[in-house]
Amino acid sequence: MTHTLLHQVLVSDLVIPVGLAQLGGQESLTGFGARLTDDTWLRCDLMVFRKEQAAGDQWFIRGAPLLAVEVVSPASRAADLGPRRALLERSGVDAYWIVDLRGDEPCLQAFELDDTSRYAERAMVTWGRSAKLTVPFDIELAPDQIFERQPRRTVPGRSPAVPDPASEPDDPIARRVGPDLPHGEDPILIDAFGHRWPTGAEKVELWDGCPVFYGEWDDRDVEIARRAYPGRVVRLDQEPGEPGTMTVLPGPSEAEPAPESEPAQEAGTAPAAEGEAGSGDAS
């Protein structure tokens, strides 16, 4: 089973118990976008939100969901457990659940905002155990009842390299490169971000004006990203070829020389580390 298919299976297993537990006035969707602010857009594997947040014909909700659920993949693990969790926390997402596969047994880790608006772990539920939660609704989490236990062999595979816009002159997406972006020092807002590559990413989000691409990236992808986002700094958040994230950061001011690259070891928490001020929304 591929990582992508396994991911879909685990998410779909959660849909029914969450749907049955949600309260009146709440809705849940998979793979939907959350526009937290004008420069932050997230795509949650599953989220619960107030109905009025999705009013109108739009492909995202406005504001923080009540619950965000993420199924950890090799590419998302560091982000889901670190800077993405911090981003959800400071954005005021009441509850955050992480589904992690240990061998063939999924486990659930649940965080909730405490009285200081920081995430506190409310449960770490492994196979054969259960926990009762009350935020954002009453539910009993029991992995052996929610998920189907079966050998889940995953097939590693490299995401295709991001297509080079310069090599696709007739592609309408390629023709959008350049003029719709703000200056390299300024944050990228959702409207500009939504008209740009990539394809081949496991997931794409916007954190505090910084595009974040989940997948397996190498130096070729970095060079393509530099051409697609001129004037900005492209950083791999892990060693080239390893699963993780590639982040596009604002470029230096005109008074500062542009760095050649950002080493992976210095970029494990970006773009905003836990505890730093920031705002956060997109799929």
Protein backbone atom coordinates (compact mmCIF):
# COMPACT_ATOMS: atom_id res chain seq x y z
CA MET A 1 0.00 0.00 0.00
CA THR A 2 1.42 3.41 -0.92
CA HIS A 3 1.76 6.20 1.64
CA THR A 4 -0.95 8.15 -0.21
CA LEU A 5 -3.47 5.29 -0.17
CA LEU A 6 -2.75 4.46 3.46
CA HIS A 7 -3.22 8.10 4.34
CA GLN A 8 -6.63 8.14 2.65
CA VAL A 9 -7.70 4.95 4.43
CA LEU A 10 -6.82 6.29 7.88
CA VAL A 11 -8.57 9.61 7.23
CA SER A 12 -11.72 7.91 5.95
CA ASP A 13 -11.81 5.66 9.05
CA LEU A 14 -12.17 8.80 11.20
CA VAL A 15 -14.94 10.45 9.18
CA ILE A 16 -17.89 8.47 10.57
CA PRO A 17 -17.06 8.61 14.32
CA VAL A 18 -16.28 12.32 14.07
CA GLY A 19 -19.43 13.00 12.04
CA LEU A 20 -21.59 11.15 14.57
CA ALA A 21 -20.04 13.01 17.51
CA GLN A 22 -20.15 16.58 16.16
CA LEU A 23 -22.73 18.97 17.59
CA GLY A 24 -25.47 20.95 15.91
CA GLY A 25 -24.03 23.90 14.02
CA GLN A 26 -20.78 22.01 13.37
CA GLU A 27 -19.59 20.47 10.12
CA SER A 28 -16.62 18.30 9.17
CA LEU A 29 -14.75 17.95 5.89
CA THR A 30 -11.64 16.17 4.65
CA GLY A 31 -8.87 17.84 2.65
CA PHE A 32 -10.51 21.26 2.94
CA GLY A 33 -8.66 24.55 3.24
CA ALA A 34 -8.65 26.90 6.22
CA ARG A 35 -7.92 30.57 5.57
CA LEU A 36 -6.63 31.60 8.96
CA THR A 37 -5.39 35.02 7.89
CA ASP A 38 -4.59 36.73 4.58
CA ASP A 39 -1.12 35.16 4.55
CA THR A 40 -1.79 31.75 6.09
CA TRP A 41 -3.74 28.92 4.48
CA LEU A 42 -3.71 25.32 5.73
CA ARG A 43 -5.16 22.12 4.34
CA CYS A 44 -6.22 19.77 7.10
CA ASP A 45 -6.68 16.04 6.56
CA LEU A 46 -9.92 16.36 8.54
CA MET A 47 -11.36 19.35 10.32
CA VAL A 48 -14.47 20.34 12.24
CA PHE A 49 -15.71 23.92 12.06
CA ARG A 50 -18.76 26.10 12.59
CA LYS A 51 -21.18 26.08 9.64
CA GLU A 52 -21.01 29.85 9.22
CA GLN A 53 -17.27 29.61 8.56
CA ALA A 54 -17.99 27.97 5.21
CA ALA A 55 -20.83 30.26 4.14
CA GLY A 56 -21.07 30.90 0.40
CA ASP A 57 -19.49 29.15 -2.56
CA GLN A 58 -15.88 28.86 -1.42
CA TRP A 59 -13.29 26.11 -1.18
CA PHE A 60 -12.08 26.99 2.29
CA ILE A 61 -13.35 28.07 5.69
CA ARG A 62 -12.54 31.44 7.19
CA GLY A 63 -10.84 31.50 10.56
CA ALA A 64 -9.59 28.75 12.84
CA PRO A 65 -11.39 25.39 12.78
CA LEU A 66 -12.58 23.86 16.05
CA LEU A 67 -10.59 20.68 15.41
CA ALA A 68 -7.74 19.90 13.03
CA VAL A 69 -6.68 16.29 12.41
CA GLU A 70 -3.48 15.26 10.66
CA VAL A 71 -2.30 11.80 9.62
CA VAL A 72 1.47 11.81 9.91
CA SER A 73 3.52 10.86 6.85
CA PRO A 74 7.30 10.69 6.53
CA ALA A 75 7.22 14.06 4.76
CA SER A 76 4.95 15.75 7.30
CA ARG A 77 6.20 14.27 10.57
CA ALA A 78 8.62 17.03 11.58
CA ALA A 79 6.18 19.78 10.60
CA ASP A 80 3.08 18.17 12.17
CA LEU A 81 4.82 17.68 15.51
CA GLY A 82 6.70 20.99 15.51
CA PRO A 83 6.11 24.26 13.64
CA ARG A 84 2.69 23.32 12.24
CA ARG A 85 1.46 22.43 15.71
CA ALA A 86 2.78 25.78 16.96
CA LEU A 87 1.02 27.56 14.10
CA LEU A 88 -2.33 25.91 14.95
CA GLU A 89 -1.81 26.74 18.60
CA ARG A 90 -1.25 30.45 18.11
CA SER A 91 -4.09 30.56 15.56
CA GLY A 92 -6.51 29.43 18.26
CA VAL A 93 -7.48 25.97 16.95
CA ASP A 94 -9.17 24.47 20.01
CA ALA A 95 -8.14 20.86 19.42
CA TYR A 96 -5.47 19.14 17.33
CA TRP A 97 -5.30 15.38 16.80
CA ILE A 98 -2.35 13.53 15.30
CA VAL A 99 -2.74 10.03 13.88
CA ASP A 100 0.56 8.16 13.78
CA LEU A 101 1.15 4.66 12.48
CA ARG A 102 3.36 2.45 14.63
CA GLY A 103 3.95 -0.75 12.75
CA ASP A 104 0.43 -1.74 11.69
CA GLU A 105 -1.23 -0.10 14.70
CA PRO A 106 -2.38 3.54 14.43
CA CYS A 107 -2.29 5.62 17.60
CA LEU A 108 -3.96 8.96 18.36
CA GLN A 109 -2.43 11.92 20.14
CA ALA A 110 -4.82 14.70 21.17
CA PHE A 111 -3.92 18.27 22.13
CA GLU A 112 -6.26 20.97 23.45
CA LEU A 113 -5.73 24.63 24.27
CA ASP A 114 -5.37 25.19 28.00
CA ASP A 115 -6.09 28.29 30.09
CA THR A 116 -2.91 29.93 28.76
CA SER A 117 -3.87 29.29 25.10
CA ARG A 118 -1.09 26.71 24.78
CA TYR A 119 -1.52 23.13 23.66
CA ALA A 120 -1.61 20.53 26.41
CA GLU A 121 -1.63 16.84 25.63
CA ARG A 122 -5.01 15.40 26.67
CA ALA A 123 -4.49 11.85 25.45
CA MET A 124 -2.03 9.48 23.84
CA VAL A 125 -4.20 6.55 22.81
CA THR A 126 -2.48 3.39 21.60
CA TRP A 127 -4.02 0.20 20.23
CA GLY A 128 -6.30 -1.53 22.76
CA ARG A 129 -6.80 1.60 24.85
CA SER A 130 -9.32 4.43 24.77
CA ALA A 131 -9.79 7.99 26.00
CA LYS A 132 -12.79 10.26 26.40
CA LEU A 133 -12.52 13.82 25.11
CA THR A 134 -14.93 16.76 25.37
CA VAL A 135 -13.43 19.30 22.93
CA PRO A 136 -14.92 20.22 20.50
CA PHE A 137 -17.52 17.53 21.31
CA ASP A 138 -17.84 14.43 23.44
CA ILE A 139 -16.14 11.44 21.85
CA GLU A 140 -14.38 8.27 22.91
CA LEU A 141 -11.22 7.62 20.94
CA ALA A 142 -10.37 3.92 20.62
CA PRO A 143 -7.96 3.18 17.74
CA ASP A 144 -8.85 -0.53 17.61
CA GLN A 145 -12.52 0.43 17.08
CA ILE A 146 -11.91 3.32 14.69
CA PHE A 147 -9.20 1.88 12.46
CA GLU A 148 -9.05 -1.45 10.70
CA ARG A 149 -6.04 -3.39 11.86
CA GLN A 150 -4.16 -4.95 8.98
CA PRO A 151 -0.58 -5.20 7.71
CA ARG A 152 0.03 -1.87 6.08
CA ARG A 153 3.14 -2.25 3.98
CA THR A 154 3.99 1.10 2.51
CA VAL A 155 5.78 1.54 -0.75
CA PRO A 156 8.30 4.36 -0.62
CA GLY A 157 8.36 6.51 -3.67
CA ARG A 158 9.72 9.83 -4.75
CA SER A 159 7.29 12.56 -5.60
CA PRO A 160 7.93 13.81 -9.12
CA ALA A 161 10.11 16.86 -9.29
CA VAL A 162 8.23 20.10 -9.43
CA PRO A 163 7.79 21.02 -13.11
CA ASP A 164 9.99 23.84 -14.27
CA PRO A 165 7.75 26.75 -15.37
CA ALA A 166 10.43 27.96 -17.77
CA SER A 167 10.25 24.66 -19.65
CA GLU A 168 6.47 24.85 -20.12
CA PRO A 169 5.89 28.11 -22.06
CA ASP A 170 2.47 27.00 -23.31
CA ASP A 171 1.21 25.94 -19.89
CA PRO A 172 -1.27 28.55 -18.55
CA ILE A 173 0.04 28.01 -15.03
CA ALA A 174 3.62 28.54 -16.19
CA ARG A 175 2.64 31.86 -17.76
CA ARG A 176 1.53 33.10 -14.34
CA VAL A 177 5.08 33.05 -12.94
CA GLY A 178 6.46 36.41 -11.88
CA PRO A 179 4.18 39.42 -12.23
CA ASP A 180 1.52 38.37 -9.72
CA LEU A 181 4.03 37.99 -6.87
CA PRO A 182 4.81 40.79 -4.42
CA HIS A 183 8.34 42.03 -3.90
CA GLY A 184 10.74 39.33 -2.69
CA GLU A 185 10.91 40.85 0.81
CA ASP A 186 7.12 40.90 1.30
CA PRO A 187 4.85 38.05 2.39
CA ILE A 188 2.95 36.15 -0.29
CA LEU A 189 -0.81 36.45 0.15
CA ILE A 190 -3.32 33.76 -0.71
CA ASP A 191 -4.60 35.23 -3.97
CA ALA A 192 -1.12 35.25 -5.51
CA PHE A 193 -0.15 31.91 -4.00
CA GLY A 194 -3.20 30.14 -5.41
CA HIS A 195 -2.11 30.79 -9.00
CA ARG A 196 1.30 29.16 -8.80
CA TRP A 197 2.88 25.71 -8.91
CA PRO A 198 3.57 23.05 -7.77
CA THR A 199 2.21 19.74 -8.80
CA GLY A 200 3.86 16.62 -7.40
CA ALA A 201 3.74 17.86 -3.80
CA GLU A 202 2.10 15.71 -1.16
CA LYS A 203 0.53 18.84 0.30
CA VAL A 204 0.95 22.60 -0.10
CA GLU A 205 0.30 25.24 2.57
CA LEU A 206 1.03 28.89 3.26
CA TRP A 207 2.55 29.76 6.64
CA ASP A 208 2.84 33.44 7.55
CA GLY A 209 3.31 34.33 3.89
CA CYS A 210 5.78 31.50 3.24
CA PRO A 211 4.83 28.63 0.86
CA VAL A 212 5.52 25.20 2.39
CA PHE A 213 5.66 22.10 0.13
CA TYR A 214 5.50 18.57 1.57
CA GLY A 215 7.23 15.78 -0.33
CA GLU A 216 10.70 14.54 -1.21
CA TRP A 217 12.79 17.33 -2.63
CA ASP A 218 16.34 17.62 -3.90
CA ASP A 219 18.61 20.27 -5.41
CA ARG A 220 16.75 20.19 -8.74
CA ASP A 221 13.54 21.20 -6.99
CA VAL A 222 15.34 23.97 -5.15
CA GLU A 223 16.60 25.45 -8.41
CA ILE A 224 13.12 25.27 -9.96
CA ALA A 225 11.61 26.94 -6.89
CA ARG A 226 14.16 29.75 -7.14
CA ARG A 227 13.09 30.43 -10.70
CA ALA A 228 9.40 30.26 -9.81
CA TYR A 229 9.85 32.53 -6.77
CA PRO A 230 12.54 35.01 -7.86
CA GLY A 231 14.16 37.09 -5.17
CA ARG A 232 13.29 34.67 -2.39
CA VAL A 233 15.23 32.12 -0.33
CA VAL A 234 14.37 28.44 -0.86
CA ARG A 235 15.17 26.15 2.03
CA LEU A 236 15.09 22.38 2.39
CA ASP A 237 14.09 21.51 5.95
CA GLN A 238 15.93 18.16 5.81
CA GLU A 239 18.68 16.53 3.75
CA PRO A 240 18.10 16.49 -0.05
CA GLY A 241 16.10 13.46 -1.18
CA GLU A 242 14.65 12.80 2.29
CA PRO A 243 10.91 13.23 2.96
CA GLY A 244 10.01 16.54 4.54
CA THR A 245 9.26 20.11 3.56
CA MET A 246 10.64 22.77 1.27
CA THR A 247 9.95 26.34 2.40
CA VAL A 248 10.09 29.56 0.36
CA LEU A 249 11.16 32.42 2.61
CA PRO A 250 11.22 36.19 1.99
CA GLY A 251 14.38 37.38 0.29
CA PRO A 252 16.93 39.68 1.91
CA SER A 253 16.51 43.42 1.71
CA GLU A 254 18.25 45.16 -1.17
CA ALA A 255 20.95 46.27 1.24
CA GLU A 256 21.81 42.67 2.10
CA PRO A 257 23.48 40.14 -0.21
CA ALA A 258 21.30 37.15 -1.13
CA PRO A 259 22.53 33.92 0.51
CA GLU A 260 23.51 31.05 -1.73
CA SER A 261 21.28 28.58 0.12
CA GLU A 262 19.99 27.62 3.53
CA PRO A 263 21.47 24.45 5.07
CA ALA A 264 18.92 21.82 6.09
CA GLN A 265 20.26 21.53 9.63
CA GLU A 266 19.45 25.19 10.30
CA ALA A 267 15.93 24.98 8.96
CA GLY A 268 14.12 22.36 10.95
CA THR A 269 11.57 24.66 12.59
CA ALA A 270 10.49 27.11 9.94
CA PRO A 271 9.23 29.50 8.94
CA ALA A 272 8.19 30.52 12.46
CA ALA A 273 9.36 28.50 15.43
CA GLU A 274 7.19 27.63 18.39
CA GLY A 275 6.77 30.58 20.69
CA GLU A 276 7.41 33.23 18.05
CA ALA A 277 4.69 35.69 17.24
CA GLY A 278 2.93 35.16 13.95
CA SER A 279 -0.33 34.74 12.16
CA GLY A 280 -1.56 31.94 10.21
CA ASP A 281 -4.38 30.00 6.26
CA ALA A 282 -4.91 27.78 2.23
CA SER A 283 -5.10 23.36 0.18
